[in-house]
């Protein structure tokens, strides 16, 4: 479940040039494979609005990942640098958001460059506090450098191109003017190690997904 908080650094009358927020996101993922915590993320960095329909975020992200399972479990750490242009707007009763995140990923076992392209469409007539949405995301591996040591090389050999597809459907609940809770179902196709060494296969995952978004209001003067 991701929890996102945005703290105002520079404010404008509307989301446009001159507005800067500081973003902090924490996320925990649980699965039956590990019988508990699977991944834990902490992401932070500035968000700068360039136009009324675009902002750019820059993040540093730390995560820990549970490998193996159900036993034994091995925890592996990862550091990411991220550049994330976002486009957003309204067409009639629909709002749209397009996120395009370029990630540099470093682990002891590999280095990778990945592009994550996400599109979300909300049914959000003015005044609605419950907003159904659909969301899709493709994860594309661009380059890779990995360890050749069998003791540390990743079990899934990276291949340039589409590595994951994720689909979401659910509803956003506007709890207050600056707090929103998203609840939905996740369907994910991803690469896994195949029975033949050095080959890859695909598996399909399903799950419950929740996200809490909080925009800290500007203090009144």
N, C-alpha and C. Protein backbone atom coordinates (compact mmCIF):
# COMPACT_ATOMS: atom_id res chain seq x y z
N UNK A 1 0.84 -1.19 0.00
CA UNK A 1 0.00 0.00 0.00
C UNK A 1 0.87 1.24 0.00
N UNK A 2 0.87 2.06 -1.08
CA UNK A 2 1.63 3.31 -1.09
C UNK A 2 0.93 4.38 -0.26
N UNK A 3 1.72 5.17 0.43
CA UNK A 3 1.25 6.37 1.11
C UNK A 3 2.09 7.53 0.59
N UNK A 4 1.43 8.52 -0.02
CA UNK A 4 2.13 9.66 -0.61
C UNK A 4 1.75 10.94 0.10
N UNK A 5 2.75 11.72 0.49
CA UNK A 5 2.56 13.01 1.12
C UNK A 5 3.31 14.06 0.31
N UNK A 6 2.65 15.17 -0.01
CA UNK A 6 3.30 16.29 -0.69
C UNK A 6 3.27 17.51 0.22
N UNK A 7 4.43 18.08 0.45
CA UNK A 7 4.58 19.24 1.32
C UNK A 7 4.92 20.45 0.44
N UNK A 8 4.18 21.56 0.56
CA UNK A 8 4.45 22.72 -0.29
C UNK A 8 5.80 23.36 0.04
N UNK A 9 6.55 23.64 -1.00
CA UNK A 9 7.80 24.40 -0.88
C UNK A 9 7.59 25.80 -1.44
N UNK A 10 7.10 25.87 -2.67
CA UNK A 10 6.69 27.14 -3.29
C UNK A 10 5.28 26.96 -3.80
N UNK A 11 4.40 27.90 -3.54
CA UNK A 11 3.01 27.77 -3.93
C UNK A 11 2.65 28.80 -5.00
N UNK A 12 1.78 28.38 -5.93
CA UNK A 12 1.19 29.28 -6.91
C UNK A 12 -0.32 29.22 -6.74
N UNK A 13 -1.04 30.12 -7.42
CA UNK A 13 -2.50 30.15 -7.30
C UNK A 13 -3.13 28.87 -7.86
N UNK A 14 -2.46 28.23 -8.81
CA UNK A 14 -2.95 26.99 -9.39
C UNK A 14 -1.74 26.14 -9.75
N UNK A 15 -1.94 24.86 -10.07
CA UNK A 15 -0.80 24.03 -10.47
C UNK A 15 -0.19 24.52 -11.78
N UNK A 16 0.81 25.37 -11.70
CA UNK A 16 1.44 25.94 -12.89
C UNK A 16 2.86 26.34 -12.53
N UNK A 17 3.54 27.03 -13.46
CA UNK A 17 4.92 27.43 -13.26
C UNK A 17 5.09 28.20 -11.95
N UNK A 18 6.09 27.81 -11.18
CA UNK A 18 6.35 28.47 -9.91
C UNK A 18 5.94 27.65 -8.70
N UNK A 19 5.17 26.58 -8.92
CA UNK A 19 4.79 25.72 -7.79
C UNK A 19 5.78 24.57 -7.66
N UNK A 20 6.28 24.36 -6.45
CA UNK A 20 7.19 23.27 -6.15
C UNK A 20 6.73 22.59 -4.87
N UNK A 21 6.61 21.27 -4.91
CA UNK A 21 6.29 20.47 -3.72
C UNK A 21 7.46 19.54 -3.43
N UNK A 22 7.49 19.05 -2.18
CA UNK A 22 8.42 17.97 -1.83
C UNK A 22 7.58 16.72 -1.59
N UNK A 23 7.93 15.65 -2.24
CA UNK A 23 7.13 14.43 -2.23
C UNK A 23 7.84 13.35 -1.41
N UNK A 24 7.06 12.66 -0.58
CA UNK A 24 7.55 11.51 0.18
C UNK A 24 6.56 10.37 -0.01
N UNK A 25 7.05 9.24 -0.49
CA UNK A 25 6.19 8.08 -0.73
C UNK A 25 6.80 6.88 -0.01
N UNK A 26 5.99 6.19 0.76
CA UNK A 26 6.39 4.91 1.33
C UNK A 26 5.40 3.85 0.85
N UNK A 27 5.91 2.65 0.63
CA UNK A 27 5.05 1.60 0.09
C UNK A 27 5.50 0.25 0.62
N UNK A 28 4.55 -0.56 1.05
CA UNK A 28 4.81 -1.93 1.48
C UNK A 28 3.97 -2.88 0.64
N UNK A 29 4.58 -3.97 0.18
CA UNK A 29 3.89 -4.99 -0.60
C UNK A 29 4.01 -6.32 0.10
N UNK A 30 2.90 -7.04 0.17
CA UNK A 30 2.84 -8.32 0.84
C UNK A 30 2.41 -9.40 -0.15
N UNK A 31 2.89 -10.63 0.07
CA UNK A 31 2.50 -11.71 -0.84
C UNK A 31 2.51 -13.04 -0.10
N UNK A 32 1.79 -14.00 -0.67
CA UNK A 32 1.79 -15.35 -0.12
C UNK A 32 3.10 -16.06 -0.34
N UNK A 33 3.83 -15.68 -1.40
CA UNK A 33 5.11 -16.34 -1.69
C UNK A 33 6.08 -16.19 -0.52
N UNK A 34 6.12 -15.00 0.07
CA UNK A 34 7.03 -14.75 1.18
C UNK A 34 6.34 -14.93 2.54
N UNK A 35 5.02 -15.19 2.51
CA UNK A 35 4.24 -15.32 3.74
C UNK A 35 4.36 -14.05 4.58
N UNK A 36 4.33 -12.90 3.92
CA UNK A 36 4.44 -11.63 4.64
C UNK A 36 4.97 -10.55 3.72
N UNK A 37 5.88 -9.73 4.25
CA UNK A 37 6.42 -8.59 3.50
C UNK A 37 7.24 -9.07 2.31
N UNK A 38 6.95 -8.52 1.13
CA UNK A 38 7.71 -8.85 -0.07
C UNK A 38 8.64 -7.71 -0.48
N UNK A 39 8.14 -6.47 -0.49
CA UNK A 39 8.96 -5.32 -0.85
C UNK A 39 8.59 -4.13 0.04
N UNK A 40 9.60 -3.29 0.30
CA UNK A 40 9.39 -2.06 1.06
C UNK A 40 10.13 -0.94 0.33
N UNK A 41 9.41 0.14 -0.01
CA UNK A 41 9.96 1.27 -0.75
C UNK A 41 9.91 2.54 0.08
N UNK A 42 10.91 3.41 -0.11
CA UNK A 42 10.86 4.80 0.35
C UNK A 42 11.35 5.65 -0.81
N UNK A 43 10.54 6.59 -1.23
CA UNK A 43 10.85 7.45 -2.40
C UNK A 43 10.67 8.90 -1.99
N UNK A 44 11.63 9.78 -2.33
CA UNK A 44 11.50 11.18 -1.96
C UNK A 44 12.20 12.07 -2.99
N UNK A 45 11.71 13.31 -3.12
CA UNK A 45 12.31 14.26 -4.04
C UNK A 45 11.35 15.38 -4.38
N UNK A 46 11.82 16.38 -5.14
CA UNK A 46 11.00 17.55 -5.47
C UNK A 46 10.08 17.29 -6.66
N UNK A 47 8.96 18.02 -6.68
CA UNK A 47 8.00 18.02 -7.78
C UNK A 47 7.86 19.46 -8.25
N UNK A 48 8.21 19.74 -9.50
CA UNK A 48 8.16 21.11 -10.03
C UNK A 48 7.13 21.18 -11.15
N UNK A 49 6.16 22.08 -11.02
CA UNK A 49 5.14 22.28 -12.05
C UNK A 49 5.68 23.24 -13.10
N UNK A 50 5.63 22.82 -14.37
CA UNK A 50 6.15 23.62 -15.46
C UNK A 50 5.05 24.34 -16.23
N UNK A 51 3.88 23.71 -16.33
CA UNK A 51 2.72 24.29 -17.02
C UNK A 51 1.48 23.86 -16.25
N UNK A 52 0.29 24.37 -16.61
CA UNK A 52 -0.95 23.91 -15.94
C UNK A 52 -1.29 22.46 -16.22
N UNK A 53 -0.55 21.79 -17.10
CA UNK A 53 -0.86 20.39 -17.41
C UNK A 53 0.36 19.48 -17.29
N UNK A 54 1.45 19.96 -16.69
CA UNK A 54 2.66 19.14 -16.62
C UNK A 54 3.48 19.47 -15.38
N UNK A 55 3.98 18.42 -14.71
CA UNK A 55 5.01 18.60 -13.71
C UNK A 55 6.08 17.53 -13.90
N UNK A 56 7.27 17.82 -13.36
CA UNK A 56 8.40 16.89 -13.43
C UNK A 56 8.87 16.62 -12.01
N UNK A 57 9.03 15.34 -11.68
CA UNK A 57 9.52 14.93 -10.36
C UNK A 57 10.89 14.28 -10.52
N UNK A 58 11.74 14.45 -9.52
CA UNK A 58 13.04 13.80 -9.46
C UNK A 58 13.16 13.13 -8.10
N UNK A 59 13.43 11.82 -8.10
CA UNK A 59 13.40 11.05 -6.85
C UNK A 59 14.71 10.30 -6.63
N UNK A 60 14.97 10.05 -5.36
CA UNK A 60 15.88 8.99 -4.94
C UNK A 60 15.02 7.97 -4.21
N UNK A 61 15.18 6.70 -4.56
CA UNK A 61 14.34 5.63 -4.01
C UNK A 61 15.22 4.54 -3.42
N UNK A 62 14.83 4.09 -2.22
CA UNK A 62 15.46 2.93 -1.59
C UNK A 62 14.40 1.85 -1.45
N UNK A 63 14.78 0.61 -1.75
CA UNK A 63 13.85 -0.49 -1.53
C UNK A 63 14.59 -1.71 -1.06
N UNK A 64 13.89 -2.56 -0.35
CA UNK A 64 14.40 -3.87 0.01
C UNK A 64 13.42 -4.90 -0.52
N UNK A 65 13.96 -5.98 -1.08
CA UNK A 65 13.19 -6.95 -1.85
C UNK A 65 13.44 -8.34 -1.29
N UNK A 66 12.37 -9.07 -0.99
CA UNK A 66 12.48 -10.44 -0.49
C UNK A 66 12.57 -11.41 -1.67
N UNK A 67 13.67 -12.13 -1.76
CA UNK A 67 13.88 -13.09 -2.82
C UNK A 67 13.78 -14.51 -2.27
N UNK A 68 13.33 -15.43 -3.13
CA UNK A 68 13.12 -16.79 -2.66
C UNK A 68 11.75 -16.93 -2.04
N UNK A 69 11.60 -17.93 -1.20
CA UNK A 69 10.35 -18.12 -0.49
C UNK A 69 9.62 -19.39 -0.91
N UNK A 70 8.75 -19.91 -0.01
CA UNK A 70 8.48 -19.31 1.31
C UNK A 70 9.64 -19.39 2.29
N UNK A 71 10.58 -20.31 2.07
CA UNK A 71 11.77 -20.36 2.92
C UNK A 71 12.88 -21.06 2.13
N UNK A 72 14.12 -20.61 2.24
CA UNK A 72 14.55 -19.42 2.99
C UNK A 72 14.31 -18.14 2.21
N UNK A 73 14.24 -17.02 2.91
CA UNK A 73 14.06 -15.71 2.30
C UNK A 73 15.39 -14.96 2.36
N UNK A 74 15.76 -14.34 1.24
CA UNK A 74 16.96 -13.51 1.18
C UNK A 74 16.53 -12.10 0.83
N UNK A 75 16.96 -11.11 1.62
CA UNK A 75 16.61 -9.71 1.38
C UNK A 75 17.71 -9.05 0.56
N UNK A 76 17.32 -8.36 -0.51
CA UNK A 76 18.27 -7.66 -1.36
C UNK A 76 17.87 -6.19 -1.43
N UNK A 77 18.86 -5.31 -1.39
CA UNK A 77 18.60 -3.87 -1.40
C UNK A 77 18.83 -3.28 -2.79
N UNK A 78 18.11 -2.20 -3.07
CA UNK A 78 18.23 -1.52 -4.36
C UNK A 78 18.13 -0.01 -4.14
N UNK A 79 18.93 0.74 -4.91
CA UNK A 79 18.88 2.19 -4.93
C UNK A 79 18.49 2.62 -6.34
N UNK A 80 17.58 3.61 -6.44
CA UNK A 80 17.15 4.10 -7.74
C UNK A 80 17.27 5.62 -7.81
N UNK A 81 17.61 6.10 -8.99
CA UNK A 81 17.48 7.50 -9.34
C UNK A 81 16.39 7.61 -10.40
N UNK A 82 15.45 8.53 -10.23
CA UNK A 82 14.27 8.57 -11.10
C UNK A 82 13.99 9.99 -11.60
N UNK A 83 13.64 10.08 -12.87
CA UNK A 83 13.17 11.32 -13.47
C UNK A 83 11.79 11.04 -14.05
N UNK A 84 10.79 11.86 -13.67
CA UNK A 84 9.40 11.48 -13.91
C UNK A 84 8.57 12.65 -14.44
N UNK A 85 8.48 12.83 -15.76
CA UNK A 85 7.52 13.79 -16.31
C UNK A 85 6.08 13.26 -16.19
N UNK A 86 5.17 14.12 -15.77
CA UNK A 86 3.76 13.78 -15.63
C UNK A 86 2.91 14.79 -16.40
N UNK A 87 1.92 14.27 -17.11
CA UNK A 87 0.96 15.11 -17.83
C UNK A 87 -0.43 14.82 -17.29
N UNK A 88 -1.25 15.86 -17.13
CA UNK A 88 -2.59 15.66 -16.55
C UNK A 88 -3.54 16.69 -17.13
N UNK A 89 -4.84 16.36 -17.06
CA UNK A 89 -5.84 17.28 -17.58
C UNK A 89 -7.23 16.70 -17.48
N UNK A 90 -8.21 17.44 -18.00
CA UNK A 90 -9.61 17.03 -17.96
C UNK A 90 -10.20 17.11 -19.35
N UNK A 91 -11.00 16.09 -19.70
CA UNK A 91 -11.80 16.07 -20.93
C UNK A 91 -13.22 15.73 -20.52
N UNK A 92 -14.10 16.72 -20.46
CA UNK A 92 -15.48 16.50 -20.02
C UNK A 92 -15.53 15.99 -18.60
N UNK A 93 -16.16 14.81 -18.39
CA UNK A 93 -16.30 14.25 -17.04
C UNK A 93 -15.11 13.37 -16.67
N UNK A 94 -14.12 13.27 -17.55
CA UNK A 94 -12.96 12.42 -17.29
C UNK A 94 -11.73 13.27 -16.99
N UNK A 95 -10.92 12.79 -16.03
CA UNK A 95 -9.59 13.34 -15.82
C UNK A 95 -8.58 12.28 -16.22
N UNK A 96 -7.45 12.72 -16.76
CA UNK A 96 -6.42 11.82 -17.24
C UNK A 96 -5.08 12.20 -16.63
N UNK A 97 -4.26 11.19 -16.40
CA UNK A 97 -2.91 11.41 -15.90
C UNK A 97 -1.98 10.42 -16.58
N UNK A 98 -0.90 10.95 -17.14
CA UNK A 98 0.10 10.12 -17.80
C UNK A 98 1.44 10.32 -17.10
N UNK A 99 2.00 9.24 -16.57
CA UNK A 99 3.29 9.28 -15.88
C UNK A 99 4.32 8.49 -16.68
N UNK A 100 5.49 9.08 -16.89
CA UNK A 100 6.56 8.43 -17.64
C UNK A 100 7.84 8.53 -16.81
N UNK A 101 8.17 7.43 -16.14
CA UNK A 101 9.28 7.44 -15.18
C UNK A 101 10.49 6.71 -15.77
N UNK A 102 11.62 7.43 -15.84
CA UNK A 102 12.88 6.82 -16.24
C UNK A 102 13.66 6.48 -14.98
N UNK A 103 14.03 5.20 -14.83
CA UNK A 103 14.67 4.72 -13.61
C UNK A 103 16.08 4.20 -13.90
N UNK A 104 17.03 4.64 -13.11
CA UNK A 104 18.33 3.98 -13.04
C UNK A 104 18.31 3.13 -11.78
N UNK A 105 18.49 1.81 -11.93
CA UNK A 105 18.37 0.87 -10.81
C UNK A 105 19.74 0.24 -10.53
N UNK A 106 20.15 0.28 -9.27
CA UNK A 106 21.42 -0.34 -8.89
C UNK A 106 21.20 -1.32 -7.75
N UNK A 107 21.69 -2.54 -7.97
CA UNK A 107 21.82 -3.53 -6.91
C UNK A 107 23.23 -4.10 -6.98
N UNK A 108 23.61 -4.84 -5.98
CA UNK A 108 24.91 -5.50 -6.01
C UNK A 108 24.99 -6.48 -7.17
N UNK A 109 23.84 -6.99 -7.61
CA UNK A 109 23.81 -8.01 -8.64
C UNK A 109 23.61 -7.47 -10.05
N UNK A 110 23.18 -6.18 -10.20
CA UNK A 110 22.97 -5.66 -11.54
C UNK A 110 22.82 -4.14 -11.52
N UNK A 111 22.92 -3.56 -12.72
CA UNK A 111 22.53 -2.18 -12.98
C UNK A 111 21.58 -2.20 -14.18
N UNK A 112 20.49 -1.41 -14.11
CA UNK A 112 19.53 -1.40 -15.20
C UNK A 112 18.98 0.00 -15.41
N UNK A 113 18.58 0.25 -16.65
CA UNK A 113 17.84 1.45 -17.00
C UNK A 113 16.48 1.00 -17.49
N UNK A 114 15.42 1.58 -16.92
CA UNK A 114 14.06 1.11 -17.21
C UNK A 114 13.13 2.31 -17.39
N UNK A 115 12.19 2.17 -18.31
CA UNK A 115 11.15 3.17 -18.53
C UNK A 115 9.82 2.58 -18.10
N UNK A 116 9.07 3.35 -17.27
CA UNK A 116 7.74 2.94 -16.84
C UNK A 116 6.73 3.95 -17.35
N UNK A 117 5.83 3.51 -18.21
CA UNK A 117 4.84 4.39 -18.82
C UNK A 117 3.46 4.00 -18.31
N UNK A 118 2.78 4.97 -17.67
CA UNK A 118 1.50 4.69 -17.01
C UNK A 118 0.45 5.70 -17.47
N UNK A 119 -0.76 5.20 -17.68
CA UNK A 119 -1.91 6.06 -18.03
C UNK A 119 -3.06 5.71 -17.10
N UNK A 120 -3.67 6.75 -16.52
CA UNK A 120 -4.83 6.57 -15.64
C UNK A 120 -5.96 7.46 -16.13
N UNK A 121 -7.18 6.89 -16.15
CA UNK A 121 -8.38 7.63 -16.54
C UNK A 121 -9.39 7.51 -15.39
N UNK A 122 -9.85 8.66 -14.89
CA UNK A 122 -10.84 8.71 -13.82
C UNK A 122 -12.17 9.23 -14.36
N UNK A 123 -13.26 8.63 -13.91
CA UNK A 123 -14.59 9.21 -14.13
C UNK A 123 -14.85 10.15 -12.95
N UNK A 124 -14.74 11.47 -13.21
CA UNK A 124 -14.71 12.43 -12.11
C UNK A 124 -15.48 13.70 -12.45
N UNK A 125 -16.81 13.60 -12.57
CA UNK A 125 -17.58 14.84 -12.73
C UNK A 125 -17.35 15.76 -11.54
N UNK A 126 -17.38 17.08 -11.73
CA UNK A 126 -17.17 18.01 -10.61
C UNK A 126 -18.13 17.71 -9.46
N UNK A 127 -17.58 17.66 -8.26
CA UNK A 127 -18.40 17.42 -7.07
C UNK A 127 -18.46 15.97 -6.63
N UNK A 128 -18.07 15.04 -7.48
CA UNK A 128 -18.09 13.62 -7.08
C UNK A 128 -16.99 13.36 -6.05
N UNK A 129 -17.32 12.59 -5.03
CA UNK A 129 -16.34 12.20 -4.02
C UNK A 129 -15.88 10.77 -4.19
N UNK A 130 -16.56 10.00 -5.04
CA UNK A 130 -16.15 8.64 -5.40
C UNK A 130 -15.90 8.62 -6.90
N UNK A 131 -14.68 8.29 -7.30
CA UNK A 131 -14.27 8.41 -8.70
C UNK A 131 -13.75 7.07 -9.22
N UNK A 132 -14.54 6.33 -9.99
CA UNK A 132 -14.03 5.09 -10.59
C UNK A 132 -12.86 5.39 -11.53
N UNK A 133 -11.92 4.45 -11.61
CA UNK A 133 -10.76 4.66 -12.48
C UNK A 133 -10.29 3.34 -13.07
N UNK A 134 -9.60 3.45 -14.19
CA UNK A 134 -8.82 2.35 -14.77
C UNK A 134 -7.42 2.88 -15.01
N UNK A 135 -6.45 1.98 -14.91
CA UNK A 135 -5.05 2.40 -14.99
C UNK A 135 -4.23 1.27 -15.59
N UNK A 136 -3.33 1.61 -16.49
CA UNK A 136 -2.45 0.62 -17.09
C UNK A 136 -1.02 1.11 -17.07
N UNK A 137 -0.07 0.17 -16.98
CA UNK A 137 1.33 0.54 -16.92
C UNK A 137 2.17 -0.53 -17.62
N UNK A 138 3.11 -0.07 -18.46
CA UNK A 138 4.08 -0.95 -19.09
C UNK A 138 5.47 -0.62 -18.58
N UNK A 139 6.27 -1.66 -18.27
CA UNK A 139 7.62 -1.50 -17.75
C UNK A 139 8.60 -2.05 -18.80
N UNK A 140 9.46 -1.18 -19.32
CA UNK A 140 10.34 -1.53 -20.43
C UNK A 140 11.79 -1.46 -19.97
N UNK A 141 12.51 -2.57 -20.04
CA UNK A 141 13.94 -2.58 -19.76
C UNK A 141 14.68 -2.06 -20.98
N UNK A 142 15.56 -1.06 -20.77
CA UNK A 142 16.26 -0.41 -21.86
C UNK A 142 17.69 -0.92 -22.00
N UNK A 143 18.45 -0.93 -20.91
CA UNK A 143 19.81 -1.44 -20.91
C UNK A 143 20.04 -2.23 -19.64
N UNK A 144 21.15 -2.99 -19.63
CA UNK A 144 21.40 -3.82 -18.46
C UNK A 144 22.88 -4.16 -18.37
N UNK A 145 23.37 -4.20 -17.13
CA UNK A 145 24.70 -4.71 -16.84
C UNK A 145 24.57 -5.53 -15.58
N UNK A 146 24.88 -6.84 -15.68
CA UNK A 146 24.63 -7.71 -14.53
C UNK A 146 25.87 -8.52 -14.18
N UNK A 147 25.86 -9.02 -12.98
CA UNK A 147 26.99 -9.82 -12.51
C UNK A 147 27.04 -11.15 -13.26
N UNK A 148 28.26 -11.58 -13.59
CA UNK A 148 28.44 -12.89 -14.21
C UNK A 148 28.77 -13.96 -13.18
N UNK A 149 28.85 -13.56 -11.94
CA UNK A 149 29.12 -14.51 -10.86
C UNK A 149 27.85 -15.28 -10.56
N UNK A 150 27.83 -16.61 -10.72
CA UNK A 150 26.59 -17.37 -10.46
C UNK A 150 26.03 -17.17 -9.07
N UNK A 151 26.89 -16.78 -8.12
CA UNK A 151 26.42 -16.60 -6.75
C UNK A 151 25.61 -15.32 -6.59
N UNK A 152 25.83 -14.35 -7.48
CA UNK A 152 25.15 -13.07 -7.32
C UNK A 152 24.32 -12.67 -8.52
N UNK A 153 24.42 -13.36 -9.65
CA UNK A 153 23.65 -13.00 -10.84
C UNK A 153 22.17 -13.20 -10.59
N UNK A 154 21.30 -12.32 -11.13
CA UNK A 154 19.86 -12.48 -10.93
C UNK A 154 19.35 -13.74 -11.59
N UNK A 155 18.33 -14.34 -10.98
CA UNK A 155 17.80 -15.61 -11.50
C UNK A 155 17.03 -15.41 -12.80
N UNK A 156 16.50 -14.18 -13.03
CA UNK A 156 15.78 -13.90 -14.27
C UNK A 156 16.70 -13.08 -15.18
N UNK A 157 17.24 -13.66 -16.25
CA UNK A 157 18.12 -12.87 -17.12
C UNK A 157 17.37 -11.74 -17.78
N UNK A 158 17.84 -10.51 -17.69
CA UNK A 158 17.12 -9.38 -18.26
C UNK A 158 17.17 -9.41 -19.78
N UNK A 159 16.08 -9.04 -20.41
CA UNK A 159 16.01 -8.93 -21.86
C UNK A 159 15.44 -7.56 -22.18
N UNK A 160 16.08 -6.80 -23.08
CA UNK A 160 15.54 -5.49 -23.43
C UNK A 160 14.13 -5.61 -23.99
N UNK A 161 13.29 -4.66 -23.62
CA UNK A 161 11.91 -4.67 -24.08
C UNK A 161 10.94 -4.73 -22.93
N UNK A 162 9.71 -5.11 -23.22
CA UNK A 162 8.64 -5.13 -22.23
C UNK A 162 8.88 -6.23 -21.20
N UNK A 163 8.98 -5.83 -19.94
CA UNK A 163 9.21 -6.80 -18.87
C UNK A 163 7.99 -7.07 -18.02
N UNK A 164 7.11 -6.06 -17.87
CA UNK A 164 5.90 -6.24 -17.07
C UNK A 164 4.76 -5.43 -17.69
N UNK A 165 3.55 -5.92 -17.47
CA UNK A 165 2.33 -5.18 -17.75
C UNK A 165 1.48 -5.21 -16.50
N UNK A 166 0.93 -4.05 -16.11
CA UNK A 166 0.09 -3.97 -14.93
C UNK A 166 -1.21 -3.28 -15.29
N UNK A 167 -2.31 -3.82 -14.82
CA UNK A 167 -3.61 -3.22 -15.01
C UNK A 167 -4.31 -3.08 -13.68
N UNK A 168 -4.97 -1.93 -13.47
CA UNK A 168 -5.69 -1.64 -12.23
C UNK A 168 -7.11 -1.19 -12.58
N UNK A 169 -8.05 -1.51 -11.70
CA UNK A 169 -9.40 -0.97 -11.79
C UNK A 169 -9.92 -0.81 -10.37
N UNK A 170 -10.56 0.34 -10.11
CA UNK A 170 -11.04 0.57 -8.75
C UNK A 170 -11.72 1.91 -8.65
N UNK A 171 -11.64 2.50 -7.45
CA UNK A 171 -12.28 3.79 -7.20
C UNK A 171 -11.42 4.62 -6.25
N UNK A 172 -11.40 5.91 -6.51
CA UNK A 172 -10.76 6.84 -5.61
C UNK A 172 -11.81 7.50 -4.72
N UNK A 173 -11.53 7.52 -3.42
CA UNK A 173 -12.47 8.08 -2.44
C UNK A 173 -11.87 9.39 -1.91
N UNK A 174 -12.51 10.53 -2.19
CA UNK A 174 -12.04 11.83 -1.73
C UNK A 174 -12.50 12.01 -0.29
N UNK A 175 -11.61 11.72 0.67
CA UNK A 175 -11.99 11.74 2.08
C UNK A 175 -12.11 13.16 2.59
N UNK A 176 -11.17 14.03 2.22
CA UNK A 176 -11.24 15.46 2.54
C UNK A 176 -10.75 16.21 1.30
N UNK A 177 -10.65 17.51 1.40
CA UNK A 177 -10.23 18.29 0.23
C UNK A 177 -8.81 17.97 -0.20
N UNK A 178 -8.00 17.44 0.71
CA UNK A 178 -6.60 17.17 0.38
C UNK A 178 -6.16 15.74 0.68
N UNK A 179 -7.10 14.83 0.93
CA UNK A 179 -6.78 13.42 1.22
C UNK A 179 -7.64 12.52 0.35
N UNK A 180 -7.00 11.60 -0.38
CA UNK A 180 -7.72 10.67 -1.25
C UNK A 180 -7.22 9.25 -1.01
N UNK A 181 -8.14 8.32 -0.96
CA UNK A 181 -7.81 6.90 -0.82
C UNK A 181 -8.25 6.18 -2.09
N UNK A 182 -7.30 5.50 -2.73
CA UNK A 182 -7.59 4.68 -3.91
C UNK A 182 -7.61 3.21 -3.50
N UNK A 183 -8.64 2.50 -3.96
CA UNK A 183 -8.76 1.06 -3.70
C UNK A 183 -9.09 0.37 -5.02
N UNK A 184 -8.38 -0.70 -5.32
CA UNK A 184 -8.64 -1.37 -6.59
C UNK A 184 -8.05 -2.76 -6.64
N UNK A 185 -8.24 -3.40 -7.79
CA UNK A 185 -7.69 -4.72 -8.06
C UNK A 185 -6.55 -4.59 -9.05
N UNK A 186 -5.51 -5.38 -8.85
CA UNK A 186 -4.31 -5.37 -9.68
C UNK A 186 -4.21 -6.69 -10.43
N UNK A 187 -3.90 -6.60 -11.73
CA UNK A 187 -3.58 -7.75 -12.55
C UNK A 187 -2.23 -7.47 -13.19
N UNK A 188 -1.25 -8.37 -12.99
CA UNK A 188 0.12 -8.11 -13.44
C UNK A 188 0.69 -9.32 -14.16
N UNK A 189 1.28 -9.08 -15.32
CA UNK A 189 2.04 -10.09 -16.06
C UNK A 189 3.51 -9.71 -15.96
N UNK A 190 4.37 -10.66 -15.56
CA UNK A 190 5.78 -10.34 -15.37
C UNK A 190 6.66 -11.53 -15.76
N UNK A 191 7.93 -11.20 -16.04
CA UNK A 191 8.91 -12.23 -16.37
C UNK A 191 9.36 -12.96 -15.11
N UNK A 192 9.53 -14.28 -15.24
CA UNK A 192 10.10 -15.10 -14.17
C UNK A 192 11.08 -16.07 -14.80
N UNK A 193 11.92 -16.67 -13.97
CA UNK A 193 12.86 -17.66 -14.47
C UNK A 193 12.11 -18.90 -14.95
N UNK A 194 12.47 -19.40 -16.13
CA UNK A 194 11.85 -20.61 -16.67
C UNK A 194 12.55 -21.85 -16.14
N UNK A 195 11.94 -23.01 -16.41
CA UNK A 195 12.53 -24.27 -15.97
C UNK A 195 13.88 -24.51 -16.65
N UNK A 196 14.02 -24.04 -17.90
CA UNK A 196 15.29 -24.17 -18.62
C UNK A 196 16.23 -23.06 -18.16
N UNK A 197 17.42 -23.39 -17.68
CA UNK A 197 18.35 -22.35 -17.22
C UNK A 197 18.64 -21.33 -18.32
N UNK A 198 18.63 -20.05 -17.92
CA UNK A 198 18.92 -18.98 -18.87
C UNK A 198 17.73 -18.50 -19.66
N UNK A 199 16.58 -19.13 -19.51
CA UNK A 199 15.38 -18.74 -20.24
C UNK A 199 14.41 -18.03 -19.30
N UNK A 200 13.43 -17.34 -19.90
CA UNK A 200 12.42 -16.64 -19.11
C UNK A 200 11.04 -17.14 -19.47
N UNK A 201 10.13 -17.01 -18.53
CA UNK A 201 8.73 -17.34 -18.71
C UNK A 201 7.94 -16.17 -18.16
N UNK A 202 6.62 -16.26 -18.22
CA UNK A 202 5.76 -15.20 -17.70
C UNK A 202 4.75 -15.81 -16.72
N UNK A 203 4.42 -15.04 -15.71
CA UNK A 203 3.42 -15.46 -14.75
C UNK A 203 2.43 -14.32 -14.55
N UNK A 204 1.23 -14.68 -14.10
CA UNK A 204 0.16 -13.71 -13.90
C UNK A 204 -0.17 -13.62 -12.42
N UNK A 205 -0.14 -12.39 -11.88
CA UNK A 205 -0.43 -12.15 -10.47
C UNK A 205 -1.70 -11.35 -10.34
N UNK A 206 -2.44 -11.59 -9.26
CA UNK A 206 -3.61 -10.79 -8.92
C UNK A 206 -3.45 -10.29 -7.49
N UNK A 207 -4.00 -9.12 -7.20
CA UNK A 207 -3.87 -8.61 -5.85
C UNK A 207 -4.79 -7.45 -5.58
N UNK A 208 -4.90 -7.09 -4.31
CA UNK A 208 -5.63 -5.92 -3.85
C UNK A 208 -4.65 -4.77 -3.71
N UNK A 209 -5.00 -3.62 -4.25
CA UNK A 209 -4.09 -2.46 -4.27
C UNK A 209 -4.78 -1.28 -3.60
N UNK A 210 -4.06 -0.60 -2.71
CA UNK A 210 -4.57 0.59 -2.04
C UNK A 210 -3.50 1.67 -2.04
N UNK A 211 -3.92 2.93 -2.15
CA UNK A 211 -2.99 4.05 -2.12
C UNK A 211 -3.63 5.22 -1.39
N UNK A 212 -2.89 5.83 -0.49
CA UNK A 212 -3.36 7.00 0.25
C UNK A 212 -2.53 8.20 -0.17
N UNK A 213 -3.20 9.27 -0.62
CA UNK A 213 -2.54 10.48 -1.09
C UNK A 213 -2.93 11.64 -0.17
N UNK A 214 -1.92 12.38 0.34
CA UNK A 214 -2.16 13.53 1.20
C UNK A 214 -1.37 14.72 0.68
N UNK A 215 -2.06 15.80 0.39
CA UNK A 215 -1.45 17.06 -0.04
C UNK A 215 -1.53 18.03 1.14
N UNK A 216 -0.40 18.33 1.76
CA UNK A 216 -0.41 19.19 2.95
C UNK A 216 -0.85 20.60 2.53
N UNK A 217 -1.92 21.15 3.11
CA UNK A 217 -2.40 22.49 2.69
C UNK A 217 -1.44 23.58 3.11
N UNK A 218 -1.43 24.65 2.33
CA UNK A 218 -0.62 25.80 2.69
C UNK A 218 -1.19 26.46 3.95
N UNK A 219 -0.31 26.81 4.87
CA UNK A 219 -0.74 27.45 6.11
C UNK A 219 -1.37 28.81 5.80
N UNK A 220 -2.49 29.09 6.45
CA UNK A 220 -3.15 30.38 6.25
C UNK A 220 -2.35 31.48 6.93
N UNK A 221 -2.45 32.69 6.37
CA UNK A 221 -1.72 33.82 6.94
C UNK A 221 -2.68 34.90 7.39
